PDB file of N, CA and C in Angstrom:
ATOM      1  N   MET A   1      43.998  21.992  75.154  1.00  0.00           N
ATOM      2  CA  MET A   1      42.638  22.019  74.686  1.00  0.00           C
ATOM      3  C   MET A   1      41.811  21.063  75.546  1.00  0.00           C
ATOM      4  N   GLU A   2      40.802  21.596  76.182  1.00  0.00           N
ATOM      5  CA  GLU A   2      40.061  20.525  77.028  1.00  0.00           C
ATOM      6  C   GLU A   2      39.167  19.665  76.279  1.00  0.00           C
ATOM      7  N   LYS A   3      38.839  18.444  76.844  1.00  0.00           N
ATOM      8  CA  LYS A   3      38.091  17.404  76.215  1.00  0.00           C
ATOM      9  C   LYS A   3      36.598  17.792  76.386  1.00  0.00           C
ATOM     10  N   ASN A   4      35.770  17.421  75.331  1.00  0.00           N
ATOM     11  CA  ASN A   4      34.208  17.637  75.506  1.00  0.00           C
ATOM     12  C   ASN A   4      33.771  16.387  76.265  1.00  0.00           C
ATOM     13  N   HIS A   5      32.862  16.527  77.160  1.00  0.00           N
ATOM     14  CA  HIS A   5      32.063  15.581  77.649  1.00  0.00           C
ATOM     15  C   HIS A   5      30.767  15.606  77.254  1.00  0.00           C
ATOM     16  N   ILE A   6      30.220  14.273  76.991  1.00  0.00           N
ATOM     17  CA  ILE A   6      28.834  14.147  76.640  1.00  0.00           C
ATOM     18  C   ILE A   6      27.990  13.749  77.692  1.00  0.00           C
ATOM     19  N   HIS A   7      26.853  14.266  78.010  1.00  0.00           N
ATOM     20  CA  HIS A   7      25.941  13.690  78.997  1.00  0.00           C
ATOM     21  C   HIS A   7      24.514  13.648  78.251  1.00  0.00           C
ATOM     22  N   VAL A   8      23.788  12.458  78.643  1.00  0.00           N
ATOM     23  CA  VAL A   8      22.598  12.248  77.876  1.00  0.00           C
ATOM     24  C   VAL A   8      21.501  12.121  78.980  1.00  0.00           C
ATOM     25  N   PHE A   9      20.421  12.704  78.942  1.00  0.00           N
ATOM     26  CA  PHE A   9      19.460  12.652  79.965  1.00  0.00           C
ATOM     27  C   PHE A   9      18.087  12.411  79.502  1.00  0.00           C
ATOM     28  N   ARG A  10      17.253  11.738  80.318  1.00  0.00           N
ATOM     29  CA  ARG A  10      15.789  11.654  80.032  1.00  0.00           C
ATOM     30  C   ARG A  10      15.146  12.817  80.785  1.00  0.00           C
ATOM     31  N   THR A  11      14.239  13.511  80.181  1.00  0.00           N
ATOM     32  CA  THR A  11      13.668  14.596  80.773  1.00  0.00           C
ATOM     33  C   THR A  11      12.047  14.587  80.615  1.00  0.00           C
ATOM     34  N   SER A  12      11.393  15.608  81.326  1.00  0.00           N
ATOM     35  CA  SER A  12      10.030  15.758  81.142  1.00  0.00           C
ATOM     36  C   SER A  12       9.799  16.949  80.188  1.00  0.00           C
ATOM     37  N   VAL A  13      10.726  17.514  79.517  1.00  0.00           N
ATOM     38  CA  VAL A  13      10.522  18.628  78.602  1.00  0.00           C
ATOM     39  C   VAL A  13       9.641  18.269  77.499  1.00  0.00           C
ATOM     40  N   ARG A  14       8.570  19.085  77.231  1.00  0.00           N
ATOM     41  CA  ARG A  14       7.632  18.526  76.389  1.00  0.00           C
ATOM     42  C   ARG A  14       7.525  19.461  74.822  1.00  0.00           C
ATOM     43  N   ASN A  15       7.997  20.699  74.884  1.00  0.00           N
ATOM     44  CA  ASN A  15       7.724  21.506  73.797  1.00  0.00           C
ATOM     45  C   ASN A  15       8.748  22.503  73.583  1.00  0.00           C
ATOM     46  N   ALA A  16       8.777  23.315  72.495  1.00  0.00           N
ATOM     47  CA  ALA A  16       9.682  24.334  72.086  1.00  0.00           C
ATOM     48  C   ALA A  16       9.577  25.497  73.088  1.00  0.00           C
ATOM     49  N   TYR A  17       8.471  25.838  73.666  1.00  0.00           N
ATOM     50  CA  TYR A  17       8.215  26.843  74.670  1.00  0.00           C
ATOM     51  C   TYR A  17       9.139  26.518  76.009  1.00  0.00           C
ATOM     52  N   GLU A  18       9.043  25.236  76.456  1.00  0.00           N
ATOM     53  CA  GLU A  18       9.817  24.828  77.596  1.00  0.00           C
ATOM     54  C   GLU A  18      11.361  24.884  77.297  1.00  0.00           C
ATOM     55  N   ILE A  19      11.609  24.351  76.040  1.00  0.00           N
ATOM     56  CA  ILE A  19      13.145  24.412  75.642  1.00  0.00           C
ATOM     57  C   ILE A  19      13.624  25.971  75.690  1.00  0.00           C
ATOM     58  N   ASN A  20      12.772  26.837  75.249  1.00  0.00           N
ATOM     59  CA  ASN A  20      13.128  28.256  75.120  1.00  0.00           C
ATOM     60  C   ASN A  20      13.444  28.798  76.610  1.00  0.00           C
ATOM     61  N   ARG A  21      12.504  28.329  77.540  1.00  0.00           N
ATOM     62  CA  ARG A  21      12.736  28.725  78.888  1.00  0.00           C
ATOM     63  C   ARG A  21      14.059  28.266  79.478  1.00  0.00           C
ATOM     64  N   LEU A  22      14.562  27.149  79.037  1.00  0.00           N
ATOM     65  CA  LEU A  22      15.748  26.594  79.593  1.00  0.00           C
ATOM     66  C   LEU A  22      17.035  26.970  78.802  1.00  0.00           C
ATOM     67  N   SER A  23      16.880  27.528  77.650  1.00  0.00           N
ATOM     68  CA  SER A  23      17.876  27.794  76.717  1.00  0.00           C
ATOM     69  C   SER A  23      19.056  28.696  77.388  1.00  0.00           C
ATOM     70  N   HIS A  24      18.687  29.660  78.158  1.00  0.00           N
ATOM     71  CA  HIS A  24      19.828  30.570  78.669  1.00  0.00           C
ATOM     72  C   HIS A  24      20.577  29.837  79.572  1.00  0.00           C
ATOM     73  N   LEU A  25      19.944  29.032  80.341  1.00  0.00           N
ATOM     74  CA  LEU A  25      20.610  28.292  81.403  1.00  0.00           C
ATOM     75  C   LEU A  25      21.422  27.170  80.932  1.00  0.00           C
ATOM     76  N   LEU A  26      21.075  26.533  79.761  1.00  0.00           N
ATOM     77  CA  LEU A  26      21.883  25.530  79.048  1.00  0.00           C
ATOM     78  C   LEU A  26      22.999  26.245  78.402  1.00  0.00           C
ATOM     79  N   ASN A  27      22.807  27.318  77.728  1.00  0.00           N
ATOM     80  CA  ASN A  27      23.973  28.099  77.099  1.00  0.00           C
ATOM     81  C   ASN A  27      24.906  28.376  78.064  1.00  0.00           C
ATOM     82  N   SER A  28      24.534  28.821  79.322  1.00  0.00           N
ATOM     83  CA  SER A  28      25.643  29.183  80.292  1.00  0.00           C
ATOM     84  C   SER A  28      26.355  28.021  80.769  1.00  0.00           C
ATOM     85  N   LEU A  29      25.673  26.924  80.874  1.00  0.00           N
ATOM     86  CA  LEU A  29      26.412  25.630  81.328  1.00  0.00           C
ATOM     87  C   LEU A  29      27.266  24.961  80.388  1.00  0.00           C
ATOM     88  N   THR A  30      26.979  25.142  79.119  1.00  0.00           N
ATOM     89  CA  THR A  30      27.930  24.844  78.069  1.00  0.00           C
ATOM     90  C   THR A  30      29.112  25.614  77.679  1.00  0.00           C
ATOM     91  N   GLY A  31      28.887  26.853  77.767  1.00  0.00           N
ATOM     92  CA  GLY A  31      29.928  27.827  77.507  1.00  0.00           C
ATOM     93  C   GLY A  31      30.382  27.889  76.142  1.00  0.00           C
ATOM     94  N   ASP A  32      31.574  28.516  75.779  1.00  0.00           N
ATOM     95  CA  ASP A  32      31.976  28.417  74.511  1.00  0.00           C
ATOM     96  C   ASP A  32      32.488  27.062  74.001  1.00  0.00           C
ATOM     97  N   GLY A  33      32.060  26.795  72.756  1.00  0.00           N
ATOM     98  CA  GLY A  33      32.265  25.451  72.324  1.00  0.00           C
ATOM     99  C   GLY A  33      31.415  24.475  72.612  1.00  0.00           C
ATOM    100  N   GLY A  34      30.425  24.671  73.577  1.00  0.00           N
ATOM    101  CA  GLY A  34      29.597  23.567  73.947  1.00  0.00           C
ATOM    102  C   GLY A  34      28.405  23.560  73.035  1.00  0.00           C
ATOM    103  N   ASN A  35      27.671  22.443  73.193  1.00  0.00           N
ATOM    104  CA  ASN A  35      26.466  22.194  72.300  1.00  0.00           C
ATOM    105  C   ASN A  35      25.392  21.418  73.141  1.00  0.00           C
ATOM    106  N   TRP A  36      24.152  21.672  72.980  1.00  0.00           N
ATOM    107  CA  TRP A  36      23.099  20.993  73.573  1.00  0.00           C
ATOM    108  C   TRP A  36      21.889  20.913  72.703  1.00  0.00           C
ATOM    109  N   ASN A  37      21.073  19.893  72.774  1.00  0.00           N
ATOM    110  CA  ASN A  37      19.843  19.704  72.074  1.00  0.00           C
ATOM    111  C   ASN A  37      18.970  18.702  72.572  1.00  0.00           C
ATOM    112  N   PHE A  38      17.603  18.790  72.350  1.00  0.00           N
ATOM    113  CA  PHE A  38      16.697  18.059  72.840  1.00  0.00           C
ATOM    114  C   PHE A  38      16.083  17.243  71.798  1.00  0.00           C
ATOM    115  N   ASP A  39      15.648  15.970  71.951  1.00  0.00           N
ATOM    116  CA  ASP A  39      15.001  15.202  70.923  1.00  0.00           C
ATOM    117  C   ASP A  39      13.627  14.872  71.547  1.00  0.00           C
ATOM    118  N   LEU A  40      12.750  15.675  71.069  1.00  0.00           N
ATOM    119  CA  LEU A  40      11.415  15.546  71.804  1.00  0.00           C
ATOM    120  C   LEU A  40      10.552  14.369  70.990  1.00  0.00           C
ATOM    121  N   GLU A  41      11.092  13.843  70.011  1.00  0.00           N
ATOM    122  CA  GLU A  41      10.412  12.856  69.226  1.00  0.00           C
ATOM    123  C   GLU A  41      10.520  11.402  70.035  1.00  0.00           C
ATOM    124  N   ASP A  42      11.827  11.455  70.724  1.00  0.00           N
ATOM    125  CA  ASP A  42      12.067  10.166  71.502  1.00  0.00           C
ATOM    126  C   ASP A  42      11.083  10.181  72.630  1.00  0.00           C
ATOM    127  N   CYS A  43      10.761   9.020  73.061  1.00  0.00           N
ATOM    128  CA  CYS A  43       9.880   8.769  74.144  1.00  0.00           C
ATOM    129  C   CYS A  43      10.310   9.287  75.459  1.00  0.00           C
ATOM    130  N   ASP A  44      11.718   9.336  75.658  1.00  0.00           N
ATOM    131  CA  ASP A  44      12.339   9.890  76.779  1.00  0.00           C
ATOM    132  C   ASP A  44      12.580  11.384  76.939  1.00  0.00           C
ATOM    133  N   ARG A  45      12.304  12.032  75.637  1.00  0.00           N
ATOM    134  CA  ARG A  45      12.509  13.493  75.424  1.00  0.00           C
ATOM    135  C   ARG A  45      13.977  13.786  75.932  1.00  0.00           C
ATOM    136  N   ILE A  46      14.791  13.271  75.131  1.00  0.00           N
ATOM    137  CA  ILE A  46      16.284  13.435  75.565  1.00  0.00           C
ATOM    138  C   ILE A  46      16.886  14.802  75.331  1.00  0.00           C
ATOM    139  N   LEU A  47      17.708  15.020  76.361  1.00  0.00           N
ATOM    140  CA  LEU A  47      18.520  16.138  76.372  1.00  0.00           C
ATOM    141  C   LEU A  47      20.039  15.563  76.217  1.00  0.00           C
ATOM    142  N   ARG A  48      20.720  16.166  75.288  1.00  0.00           N
ATOM    143  CA  ARG A  48      22.253  15.740  75.059  1.00  0.00           C
ATOM    144  C   ARG A  48      23.085  17.048  75.074  1.00  0.00           C
ATOM    145  N   ILE A  49      23.949  16.988  76.039  1.00  0.00           N
ATOM    146  CA  ILE A  49      24.878  18.092  76.237  1.00  0.00           C
ATOM    147  C   ILE A  49      26.324  17.586  76.013  1.00  0.00           C
ATOM    148  N   GLU A  50      26.954  18.478  75.137  1.00  0.00           N
ATOM    149  CA  GLU A  50      28.304  18.266  74.893  1.00  0.00           C
ATOM    150  C   GLU A  50      29.006  19.597  75.344  1.00  0.00           C
ATOM    151  N   SER A  51      29.984  19.420  76.374  1.00  0.00           N
ATOM    152  CA  SER A  51      30.613  20.634  76.824  1.00  0.00           C
ATOM    153  C   SER A  51      31.958  20.205  77.552  1.00  0.00           C
ATOM    154  N   THR A  52      32.925  21.285  77.631  1.00  0.00           N
ATOM    155  CA  THR A  52      33.981  21.098  78.482  1.00  0.00           C
ATOM    156  C   THR A  52      33.859  21.400  79.907  1.00  0.00           C
ATOM    157  N   LYS A  53      32.697  22.075  80.177  1.00  0.00           N
ATOM    158  CA  LYS A  53      32.485  22.280  81.612  1.00  0.00           C
ATOM    159  C   LYS A  53      30.997  21.813  81.817  1.00  0.00           C
ATOM    160  N   GLY A  54      30.668  21.791  83.031  1.00  0.00           N
ATOM    161  CA  GLY A  54      29.202  21.439  83.472  1.00  0.00           C
ATOM    162  C   GLY A  54      29.188  20.021  83.730  1.00  0.00           C
ATOM    163  N   HIS A  55      28.910  19.651  85.110  1.00  0.00           N
ATOM    164  CA  HIS A  55      29.023  18.124  85.548  1.00  0.00           C
ATOM    165  C   HIS A  55      27.518  17.872  85.586  1.00  0.00           C
ATOM    166  N   SER A  56      27.385  16.431  85.566  1.00  0.00           N
ATOM    167  CA  SER A  56      26.104  15.957  85.508  1.00  0.00           C
ATOM    168  C   SER A  56      25.154  16.448  86.722  1.00  0.00           C
ATOM    169  N   ASP A  57      25.662  16.403  87.866  1.00  0.00           N
ATOM    170  CA  ASP A  57      24.909  16.669  88.986  1.00  0.00           C
ATOM    171  C   ASP A  57      24.557  18.224  88.842  1.00  0.00           C
ATOM    172  N   GLN A  58      25.386  19.068  88.381  1.00  0.00           N
ATOM    173  CA  GLN A  58      25.074  20.540  88.253  1.00  0.00           C
ATOM    174  C   GLN A  58      23.952  20.742  87.235  1.00  0.00           C
ATOM    175  N   ILE A  59      24.103  19.966  86.146  1.00  0.00           N
ATOM    176  CA  ILE A  59      22.907  19.989  85.056  1.00  0.00           C
ATOM    177  C   ILE A  59      21.732  19.721  85.634  1.00  0.00           C
ATOM    178  N   GLN A  60      21.688  18.447  86.296  1.00  0.00           N
ATOM    179  CA  GLN A  60      20.376  18.012  86.874  1.00  0.00           C
ATOM    180  C   GLN A  60      19.811  19.014  87.878  1.00  0.00           C
ATOM    181  N   ALA A  61      20.654  19.540  88.833  1.00  0.00           N
ATOM    182  CA  ALA A  61      20.104  20.484  89.765  1.00  0.00           C
ATOM    183  C   ALA A  61      19.506  21.595  89.124  1.00  0.00           C
ATOM    184  N   ILE A  62      19.976  22.323  88.049  1.00  0.00           N
ATOM    185  CA  ILE A  62      19.585  23.473  87.536  1.00  0.00           C
ATOM    186  C   ILE A  62      18.102  23.060  86.846  1.00  0.00           C
ATOM    187  N   ILE A  63      18.106  21.964  86.064  1.00  0.00           N
ATOM    188  CA  ILE A  63      16.919  21.478  85.260  1.00  0.00           C
ATOM    189  C   ILE A  63      15.833  21.291  86.323  1.00  0.00           C
ATOM    190  N   LYS A  64      16.196  20.630  87.485  1.00  0.00           N
ATOM    191  CA  LYS A  64      15.203  20.292  88.411  1.00  0.00           C
ATOM    192  C   LYS A  64      14.612  21.647  89.127  1.00  0.00           C
ATOM    193  N   ALA A  65      15.556  22.528  89.262  1.00  0.00           N
ATOM    194  CA  ALA A  65      15.140  23.839  89.962  1.00  0.00           C
ATOM    195  C   ALA A  65      14.094  24.511  89.095  1.00  0.00           C
ATOM    196  N   GLU A  66      14.050  24.287  87.757  1.00  0.00           N
ATOM    197  CA  GLU A  66      13.114  25.017  86.845  1.00  0.00           C
ATOM    198  C   GLU A  66      11.738  24.015  86.702  1.00  0.00           C
ATOM    199  N   GLY A  67      11.579  22.964  87.542  1.00  0.00           N
ATOM    200  CA  GLY A  67      10.575  22.269  87.717  1.00  0.00           C
ATOM    201  C   GLY A  67      10.226  20.964  86.811  1.00  0.00           C
ATOM    202  N   PHE A  68      11.569  20.671  86.077  1.00  0.00           N
ATOM    203  CA  PHE A  68      11.420  19.477  85.315  1.00  0.00           C
ATOM    204  C   PHE A  68      12.052  18.289  85.928  1.00  0.00           C
ATOM    205  N   PHE A  69      11.670  17.059  85.336  1.00  0.00           N
ATOM    206  CA  PHE A  69      12.299  15.842  85.745  1.00  0.00           C
ATOM    207  C   PHE A  69      13.446  15.708  84.814  1.00  0.00           C
ATOM    208  N   ILE A  70      14.559  15.231  85.373  1.00  0.00           N
ATOM    209  CA  ILE A  70      15.774  14.831  84.490  1.00  0.00           C
ATOM    210  C   ILE A  70      16.518  13.706  85.360  1.00  0.00           C
ATOM    211  N   GLU A  71      16.999  12.889  84.349  1.00  0.00           N
ATOM    212  CA  GLU A  71      17.700  11.700  84.876  1.00  0.00           C
ATOM    213  C   GLU A  71      18.730  11.237  83.825  1.00  0.00           C
ATOM    214  N   GLU A  72      19.996  11.197  84.255  1.00  0.00           N
ATOM    215  CA  GLU A  72      21.113  10.825  83.344  1.00  0.00           C
ATOM    216  C   GLU A  72      20.964   9.371  82.990  1.00  0.00           C
ATOM    217  N   LEU A  73      21.137   9.126  81.656  1.00  0.00           N
ATOM    218  CA  LEU A  73      21.156   7.845  81.102  1.00  0.00           C
ATOM    219  C   LEU A  73      22.573   7.180  81.098  1.00  0.00           C
ATOM    220  N   ASP A  74      22.657   5.861  81.302  1.00  0.00           N
ATOM    221  CA  ASP A  74      23.747   5.197  81.123  1.00  0.00           C
ATOM    222  C   ASP A  74      24.376   5.134  79.743  1.00  0.00           C
ATOM    223  N   ASP A  75      25.731   5.086  79.606  1.00  0.00           N
ATOM    224  CA  ASP A  75      26.309   5.112  78.302  1.00  0.00           C
ATOM    225  C   ASP A  75      25.910   3.810  77.586  1.00  0.00           C
TER     226      ASP A  75
END
């Protein structure tokens, strides 16, 4: 069984409409058993991804290609 990796990012995503725009991409990145969520209440509009696949660089490139700012936060 593969180990899940957790990535936490600061983003520029502002609302549910924008999350909906990204949902199919995030679902494809996390695959089966993966999980992702946004905390828009946080000042950094946190995206947290838990997945057995999807590397940080890959995640950032996809979100940036959709026109959003994204930066991984240190553990």
